[in-house]
């Protein structure tokens, strides 16, 4: 089954948060909205599986800070290289 988790971070937040999450048709819709909004989509199935269990607006658990930080840097670098 298709899964999607949208993560948001800003300096005003103590940690990144779950912005949206879903499985099946909802996951497809989340990805469609991301593409239409020029939001990068990065597939990391293991991370998605872990984060999809969290509620929307939940802070990302500390155990995921490092991978989320790497992901945010990767996306930032992608955008700056365009």
N, C-alpha and C. Protein backbone atom coordinates (compact mmCIF):
# COMPACT_ATOMS: atom_id res chain seq x y z
N UNK A 1 0.83 -1.18 0.00
CA UNK A 1 0.00 0.00 0.00
C UNK A 1 0.88 1.25 0.00
N UNK A 2 0.49 2.20 -0.80
CA UNK A 2 1.22 3.46 -0.88
C UNK A 2 1.04 4.26 0.41
N UNK A 3 2.15 4.89 0.85
CA UNK A 3 2.14 5.70 2.07
C UNK A 3 2.84 7.02 1.80
N UNK A 4 2.44 8.04 2.55
CA UNK A 4 3.10 9.35 2.44
C UNK A 4 3.05 10.06 3.78
N UNK A 5 4.14 10.75 4.09
CA UNK A 5 4.22 11.58 5.28
C UNK A 5 4.85 12.90 4.86
N UNK A 6 4.18 14.00 5.16
CA UNK A 6 4.72 15.33 4.89
C UNK A 6 5.26 15.89 6.21
N UNK A 7 6.48 16.41 6.14
CA UNK A 7 7.15 16.95 7.32
C UNK A 7 7.41 18.43 7.10
N UNK A 8 7.22 19.21 8.15
CA UNK A 8 7.47 20.65 8.09
C UNK A 8 8.44 21.04 9.18
N UNK A 9 9.33 21.96 8.84
CA UNK A 9 10.23 22.51 9.86
C UNK A 9 10.37 24.00 9.64
N UNK A 10 10.35 24.73 10.72
CA UNK A 10 10.70 26.15 10.69
C UNK A 10 11.43 26.45 11.99
N UNK A 11 12.16 27.53 11.99
CA UNK A 11 12.96 27.87 13.17
C UNK A 11 12.10 28.19 14.39
N UNK A 12 10.83 28.51 14.17
CA UNK A 12 9.94 28.80 15.28
C UNK A 12 9.52 27.54 16.04
N UNK A 13 9.69 26.39 15.41
CA UNK A 13 9.28 25.12 16.02
C UNK A 13 10.42 24.50 16.80
N UNK A 14 10.11 23.78 17.88
CA UNK A 14 11.18 23.11 18.63
C UNK A 14 11.75 21.90 17.88
N UNK A 15 10.98 21.37 16.93
CA UNK A 15 11.40 20.22 16.13
C UNK A 15 10.50 20.17 14.90
N UNK A 16 10.90 19.41 13.88
CA UNK A 16 10.00 19.23 12.74
C UNK A 16 8.70 18.58 13.19
N UNK A 17 7.62 18.84 12.44
CA UNK A 17 6.33 18.27 12.77
C UNK A 17 5.77 17.48 11.59
N UNK A 18 4.82 16.61 11.89
CA UNK A 18 4.08 15.90 10.86
C UNK A 18 3.01 16.85 10.34
N UNK A 19 3.10 17.20 9.08
CA UNK A 19 2.15 18.11 8.46
C UNK A 19 0.95 17.36 7.90
N UNK A 20 1.22 16.19 7.32
CA UNK A 20 0.15 15.34 6.77
C UNK A 20 0.67 13.92 6.72
N UNK A 21 -0.26 12.97 6.73
CA UNK A 21 0.13 11.57 6.62
C UNK A 21 -1.05 10.80 6.05
N UNK A 22 -0.76 9.74 5.32
CA UNK A 22 -1.86 8.96 4.79
C UNK A 22 -1.40 7.72 4.06
N UNK A 23 -2.36 6.82 3.85
CA UNK A 23 -2.13 5.57 3.13
C UNK A 23 -3.10 5.50 1.97
N UNK A 24 -2.75 4.72 0.95
CA UNK A 24 -3.64 4.49 -0.17
C UNK A 24 -3.97 5.75 -0.94
N UNK A 25 -5.26 6.01 -1.13
CA UNK A 25 -5.69 7.17 -1.91
C UNK A 25 -5.26 8.49 -1.26
N UNK A 26 -5.28 8.54 0.07
CA UNK A 26 -4.85 9.76 0.74
C UNK A 26 -3.37 10.02 0.49
N UNK A 27 -2.56 8.98 0.48
CA UNK A 27 -1.13 9.13 0.18
C UNK A 27 -0.94 9.67 -1.24
N UNK A 28 -1.71 9.16 -2.17
CA UNK A 28 -1.62 9.65 -3.55
C UNK A 28 -1.99 11.13 -3.63
N UNK A 29 -3.01 11.50 -2.88
CA UNK A 29 -3.42 12.92 -2.89
C UNK A 29 -2.36 13.81 -2.26
N UNK A 30 -1.75 13.36 -1.16
CA UNK A 30 -0.67 14.13 -0.53
C UNK A 30 0.47 14.34 -1.52
N UNK A 31 0.85 13.30 -2.23
CA UNK A 31 1.94 13.40 -3.21
C UNK A 31 1.56 14.31 -4.37
N UNK A 32 0.31 14.24 -4.81
CA UNK A 32 -0.16 15.09 -5.90
C UNK A 32 -0.09 16.56 -5.49
N UNK A 33 -0.56 16.86 -4.30
CA UNK A 33 -0.51 18.24 -3.80
C UNK A 33 0.94 18.70 -3.68
N UNK A 34 1.82 17.83 -3.21
CA UNK A 34 3.24 18.17 -3.09
C UNK A 34 3.82 18.52 -4.47
N UNK A 35 3.55 17.68 -5.46
CA UNK A 35 4.06 17.95 -6.82
C UNK A 35 3.52 19.27 -7.35
N UNK A 36 2.24 19.50 -7.18
CA UNK A 36 1.61 20.74 -7.66
C UNK A 36 2.15 21.97 -6.95
N UNK A 37 2.64 21.79 -5.74
CA UNK A 37 3.19 22.90 -4.95
C UNK A 37 4.70 22.99 -5.03
N UNK A 38 5.30 22.20 -5.92
CA UNK A 38 6.76 22.17 -6.10
C UNK A 38 7.49 21.79 -4.82
N UNK A 39 6.89 20.89 -4.05
CA UNK A 39 7.52 20.37 -2.83
C UNK A 39 8.24 19.08 -3.22
N UNK A 40 9.50 18.97 -2.79
CA UNK A 40 10.29 17.79 -3.10
C UNK A 40 9.69 16.56 -2.43
N UNK A 41 9.70 15.45 -3.16
CA UNK A 41 9.26 14.17 -2.63
C UNK A 41 10.47 13.25 -2.59
N UNK A 42 10.77 12.75 -1.41
CA UNK A 42 11.91 11.86 -1.22
C UNK A 42 11.38 10.56 -0.62
N UNK A 43 11.68 9.46 -1.26
CA UNK A 43 11.18 8.15 -0.79
C UNK A 43 12.19 7.50 0.14
N UNK A 44 11.81 7.37 1.39
CA UNK A 44 12.58 6.63 2.39
C UNK A 44 11.57 5.75 3.12
N UNK A 45 11.28 4.57 2.56
CA UNK A 45 10.20 3.73 3.09
C UNK A 45 10.28 3.44 4.59
N UNK A 46 11.47 3.18 5.10
CA UNK A 46 11.61 2.86 6.53
C UNK A 46 11.21 4.06 7.39
N UNK A 47 11.60 5.25 6.97
CA UNK A 47 11.25 6.46 7.72
C UNK A 47 9.74 6.71 7.62
N UNK A 48 9.19 6.54 6.44
CA UNK A 48 7.75 6.71 6.26
C UNK A 48 6.98 5.75 7.17
N UNK A 49 7.41 4.50 7.21
CA UNK A 49 6.74 3.50 8.05
C UNK A 49 6.75 3.92 9.53
N UNK A 50 7.85 4.51 9.97
CA UNK A 50 7.95 4.92 11.38
C UNK A 50 7.12 6.16 11.65
N UNK A 51 7.17 7.13 10.75
CA UNK A 51 6.50 8.41 10.99
C UNK A 51 5.00 8.37 10.75
N UNK A 52 4.54 7.46 9.92
CA UNK A 52 3.11 7.43 9.60
C UNK A 52 2.25 7.09 10.82
N UNK A 53 2.87 6.50 11.83
CA UNK A 53 2.14 6.15 13.05
C UNK A 53 1.90 7.36 13.95
N UNK A 54 2.59 8.47 13.68
CA UNK A 54 2.43 9.68 14.49
C UNK A 54 1.20 10.46 14.04
N UNK A 55 0.68 11.29 14.92
CA UNK A 55 -0.48 12.12 14.59
C UNK A 55 -0.03 13.38 13.85
N UNK A 56 -0.93 13.94 13.06
CA UNK A 56 -0.67 15.22 12.41
C UNK A 56 -0.42 16.26 13.50
N UNK A 57 0.55 17.12 13.28
CA UNK A 57 1.03 18.16 14.21
C UNK A 57 1.92 17.62 15.32
N UNK A 58 2.19 16.31 15.33
CA UNK A 58 3.10 15.75 16.33
C UNK A 58 4.54 16.16 16.01
N UNK A 59 5.31 16.42 17.05
CA UNK A 59 6.73 16.68 16.86
C UNK A 59 7.42 15.37 16.49
N UNK A 60 8.41 15.47 15.60
CA UNK A 60 9.20 14.31 15.22
C UNK A 60 9.98 13.84 16.47
N UNK A 61 9.96 12.56 16.79
CA UNK A 61 10.73 12.07 17.94
C UNK A 61 12.24 12.29 17.75
N UNK A 62 12.90 12.51 18.84
CA UNK A 62 14.33 12.82 18.83
C UNK A 62 15.15 11.76 18.08
N UNK A 63 14.73 10.52 18.14
CA UNK A 63 15.50 9.46 17.47
C UNK A 63 15.58 9.65 15.96
N UNK A 64 14.70 10.50 15.39
CA UNK A 64 14.70 10.73 13.95
C UNK A 64 15.33 12.07 13.55
N UNK A 65 15.81 12.84 14.52
CA UNK A 65 16.37 14.15 14.22
C UNK A 65 17.48 14.09 13.17
N UNK A 66 18.40 13.15 13.32
CA UNK A 66 19.55 13.10 12.42
C UNK A 66 19.12 12.84 10.98
N UNK A 67 18.28 11.84 10.76
CA UNK A 67 17.85 11.52 9.40
C UNK A 67 17.00 12.64 8.81
N UNK A 68 16.15 13.27 9.63
CA UNK A 68 15.33 14.38 9.14
C UNK A 68 16.24 15.56 8.80
N UNK A 69 17.25 15.83 9.62
CA UNK A 69 18.19 16.92 9.33
C UNK A 69 18.90 16.66 8.01
N UNK A 70 19.37 15.43 7.80
CA UNK A 70 20.01 15.09 6.53
C UNK A 70 19.06 15.27 5.36
N UNK A 71 17.83 14.88 5.54
CA UNK A 71 16.82 15.01 4.50
C UNK A 71 16.56 16.48 4.17
N UNK A 72 16.44 17.32 5.19
CA UNK A 72 16.20 18.75 4.97
C UNK A 72 17.38 19.40 4.26
N UNK A 73 18.59 19.04 4.61
CA UNK A 73 19.78 19.56 3.93
C UNK A 73 19.80 19.10 2.47
N UNK A 74 19.48 17.85 2.23
CA UNK A 74 19.43 17.30 0.87
C UNK A 74 18.42 18.07 0.01
N UNK A 75 17.24 18.30 0.55
CA UNK A 75 16.20 19.03 -0.19
C UNK A 75 16.64 20.48 -0.43
N UNK A 76 17.23 21.12 0.58
CA UNK A 76 17.73 22.49 0.42
C UNK A 76 18.77 22.56 -0.69
N UNK A 77 19.69 21.59 -0.70
CA UNK A 77 20.72 21.56 -1.73
C UNK A 77 20.15 21.32 -3.12
N UNK A 78 19.12 20.48 -3.22
CA UNK A 78 18.45 20.25 -4.49
C UNK A 78 17.86 21.54 -5.03
N UNK A 79 17.18 22.27 -4.16
CA UNK A 79 16.54 23.53 -4.58
C UNK A 79 17.56 24.58 -4.96
N UNK A 80 18.69 24.64 -4.25
CA UNK A 80 19.68 25.68 -4.55
C UNK A 80 20.47 25.36 -5.82
N UNK A 81 20.47 24.09 -6.23
CA UNK A 81 21.21 23.72 -7.45
C UNK A 81 20.38 23.95 -8.72
N UNK A 82 19.14 24.32 -8.56
CA UNK A 82 18.26 24.53 -9.74
C UNK A 82 18.31 25.94 -10.23
